[in-house]
Protein backbone atom coordinates (compact mmCIF):
# COMPACT_ATOMS: atom_id res chain seq x y z
CA MET A 1 0.00 0.00 0.00
CA ILE A 2 1.35 3.44 -0.93
CA SER A 3 1.08 6.01 1.85
CA ARG A 4 -1.00 9.11 1.18
CA ALA A 5 2.04 11.30 1.80
CA ILE A 6 3.84 9.66 -1.11
CA LEU A 7 0.76 9.35 -3.32
CA TYR A 8 -0.24 12.99 -2.94
CA ASN A 9 3.28 14.36 -2.41
CA LEU A 10 2.32 15.72 1.01
CA PRO A 11 5.10 17.27 3.09
CA SER A 12 6.71 14.83 5.51
CA PRO A 13 6.60 15.60 9.24
CA SER A 14 8.80 14.66 12.19
CA TYR A 15 7.78 14.33 15.83
CA CYS A 16 10.23 16.46 17.88
CA VAL A 17 9.64 15.66 21.52
CA THR A 18 12.49 13.44 22.77
CA GLU A 19 15.63 15.05 24.17
CA PRO A 20 18.91 13.71 25.57
CA GLY A 21 17.52 13.96 29.12
CA ALA A 22 13.87 13.38 28.26
CA GLY A 23 13.32 10.26 26.20
CA SER A 24 10.42 8.31 27.66
CA ASP A 25 9.91 10.96 30.37
CA VAL A 26 8.29 13.63 28.25
CA SER A 27 7.71 15.82 31.32
CA GLY A 28 11.50 16.31 31.45
CA VAL A 29 11.59 18.33 28.19
CA LYS A 30 13.96 21.31 28.52
CA THR A 31 13.40 23.00 25.13
CA THR A 32 11.84 26.39 25.88
CA CYS A 33 9.39 28.69 24.17
CA VAL A 34 8.64 32.32 24.98
CA LEU A 35 5.90 34.46 23.43
CA LYS A 36 7.36 37.68 21.99
CA GLY A 37 4.76 39.77 20.19
CA ASP A 38 3.03 37.67 17.54
CA ASN A 39 5.66 34.91 17.58
CA TRP A 40 6.87 32.22 19.91
CA VAL A 41 10.65 31.86 20.12
CA ILE A 42 11.87 28.27 20.55
CA ASN A 43 15.31 27.25 21.88
CA GLY A 44 16.61 23.75 22.57
CA SER A 45 17.59 20.43 21.03
CA LYS A 46 15.58 17.33 20.20
CA ALA A 47 17.27 13.94 19.91
CA TRP A 48 16.59 10.76 17.94
CA ILE A 49 14.21 12.48 15.52
CA THR A 50 13.10 10.06 12.81
CA GLY A 51 12.96 11.71 9.40
CA GLY A 52 14.80 14.73 10.77
CA GLY A 53 16.98 15.13 7.70
CA TYR A 54 14.13 15.60 5.25
CA ALA A 55 11.10 16.69 7.31
CA LYS A 56 9.22 19.64 5.84
CA TRP A 57 7.68 20.45 9.22
CA PHE A 58 8.08 19.45 12.84
CA PHE A 59 5.68 18.75 15.68
CA VAL A 60 7.56 20.39 18.58
CA LEU A 61 6.87 20.27 22.30
CA ALA A 62 8.48 23.05 24.34
CA ARG A 63 8.31 24.26 27.94
CA SER A 64 6.27 27.47 28.12
CA ASP A 65 6.23 27.69 31.93
CA PRO A 66 9.76 28.32 33.27
CA ASP A 67 8.84 26.88 36.69
CA PRO A 68 10.31 23.34 36.78
CA LYS A 69 7.67 22.38 39.37
CA ALA A 70 4.74 23.36 37.14
CA PRO A 71 2.48 20.38 36.41
CA ALA A 72 3.10 18.82 32.99
CA GLY A 73 -0.52 19.42 32.00
CA LYS A 74 0.08 23.19 32.17
CA ALA A 75 3.82 23.56 31.51
CA PHE A 76 4.19 22.80 27.79
CA THR A 77 3.02 24.17 24.46
CA ALA A 78 2.87 22.20 21.20
CA PHE A 79 3.70 23.70 17.80
CA ILE A 80 3.82 23.01 14.10
CA VAL A 81 7.18 24.42 12.95
CA ASP A 82 8.14 24.89 9.31
CA GLY A 83 11.27 22.84 8.61
CA ASP A 84 12.80 25.72 6.64
CA SER A 85 12.57 28.18 9.54
CA LYS A 86 15.67 30.24 10.29
CA GLY A 87 17.55 28.87 13.30
CA ILE A 88 16.86 25.15 12.74
CA SER A 89 19.96 22.96 12.50
CA ARG A 90 19.78 19.33 11.44
CA GLY A 91 22.56 17.23 12.95
CA LYS A 92 24.38 14.37 11.25
CA LYS A 93 22.51 11.18 10.46
CA GLU A 94 22.74 8.61 13.26
CA LEU A 95 24.05 5.14 12.46
CA ASN A 96 21.13 2.94 13.50
CA VAL A 97 21.80 -0.75 14.03
CA GLY A 98 18.48 -2.17 12.83
CA GLN A 99 16.95 0.61 10.78
CA ARG A 100 19.69 2.03 8.61
CA CYS A 101 17.20 3.57 6.21
CA SER A 102 15.76 5.64 9.08
CA ASP A 103 17.06 9.20 8.83
CA THR A 104 17.44 9.81 12.56
CA ARG A 105 19.08 13.06 13.70
CA THR A 106 19.35 15.69 16.41
CA ILE A 107 17.38 18.83 15.57
CA THR A 108 18.45 22.08 17.23
CA PHE A 109 16.22 25.14 17.53
CA GLU A 110 18.08 28.41 18.08
CA ASP A 111 15.84 31.48 18.40
CA VAL A 112 13.36 29.91 15.96
CA GLN A 113 10.37 32.20 15.51
CA VAL A 114 7.01 30.49 15.15
CA PRO A 115 3.76 32.39 14.49
CA LYS A 116 1.36 32.11 17.42
CA GLU A 117 -1.27 30.63 15.09
CA ASN A 118 1.00 27.55 14.80
CA VAL A 119 0.22 26.54 18.39
CA LEU A 120 -1.63 23.22 18.56
CA GLY A 121 -4.36 23.38 21.15
CA ALA A 122 -3.86 26.12 23.73
CA PRO A 123 -0.64 27.53 25.19
CA GLY A 124 0.18 25.39 28.21
CA GLY A 125 -1.88 22.47 26.88
CA GLY A 126 0.85 20.87 24.78
CA PHE A 127 1.50 17.85 26.99
CA LYS A 128 -1.96 16.46 26.27
CA VAL A 129 -1.54 17.17 22.54
CA ALA A 130 1.86 15.43 22.52
CA MET A 131 0.54 12.37 24.34
CA GLY A 132 -2.40 12.13 21.91
CA ALA A 133 -0.03 12.37 18.94
CA PHE A 134 2.26 9.80 20.54
CA ASP A 135 -0.64 7.36 20.88
CA SER A 136 -1.48 7.80 17.18
CA ILE A 137 2.15 7.33 16.14
CA GLN A 138 2.38 4.04 18.03
CA ILE A 139 -0.29 2.58 15.74
CA CYS A 140 1.95 3.36 12.75
CA VAL A 141 4.97 1.83 14.50
CA GLY A 142 2.99 -1.34 15.14
CA LYS A 143 1.88 -1.55 11.50
CA LYS A 144 5.49 -1.06 10.34
CA ASN A 145 6.69 -3.85 12.61
CA ILE A 146 4.03 -6.24 11.30
CA PHE A 147 5.02 -5.33 7.73
CA CYS A 148 8.71 -5.96 8.47
CA ALA A 149 7.93 -9.28 10.15
CA ASN A 150 6.09 -10.41 7.01
CA CYS A 151 9.01 -9.61 4.70
C-alpha cells in the first residue's frame, strides 16, 4: 500500500519531543518557548528524531512555563514548525543498528520564531496534545513492525 504522503506528495513531518535527558519521560523536556509579540521563540535540542533530515515540518513540544515544578498538564506548548525556519539545524545522520534507512538526527532550535497561530491546542496544553499524537504514532509503528515481520 502506498502512503498518502507519497501518493499525494504531502510534506513529511517529524515528531520532535524526545531530548537527551527526556526520552520516555516527556515531562523532562527542557526546550523552551517564549511568546514575543506575535511569535513564539523556541530554543533547545531534540534527539533521535526520525525523518529529521528531510522533514518539511516538525511537531515540537516546548516548555512554556519556566517553573520546573509546574504540572506537565500546564507547563508545555505544542507547535507546528516549518522545517525551513531560520535557526533550525539538522545534525548528522545517526548510524542505526536495525533501521539504517531511518534518517534519525538531532534537531536544534536556536531562536526559531514560530507564528502564534502555529500553536496546537492552547498555550500550556501541549503535553496532552503530545501524548495524543504519541498514541497515534504508536499505531503506525505497530503496522510497520508487522510489515517488516512479514518480509
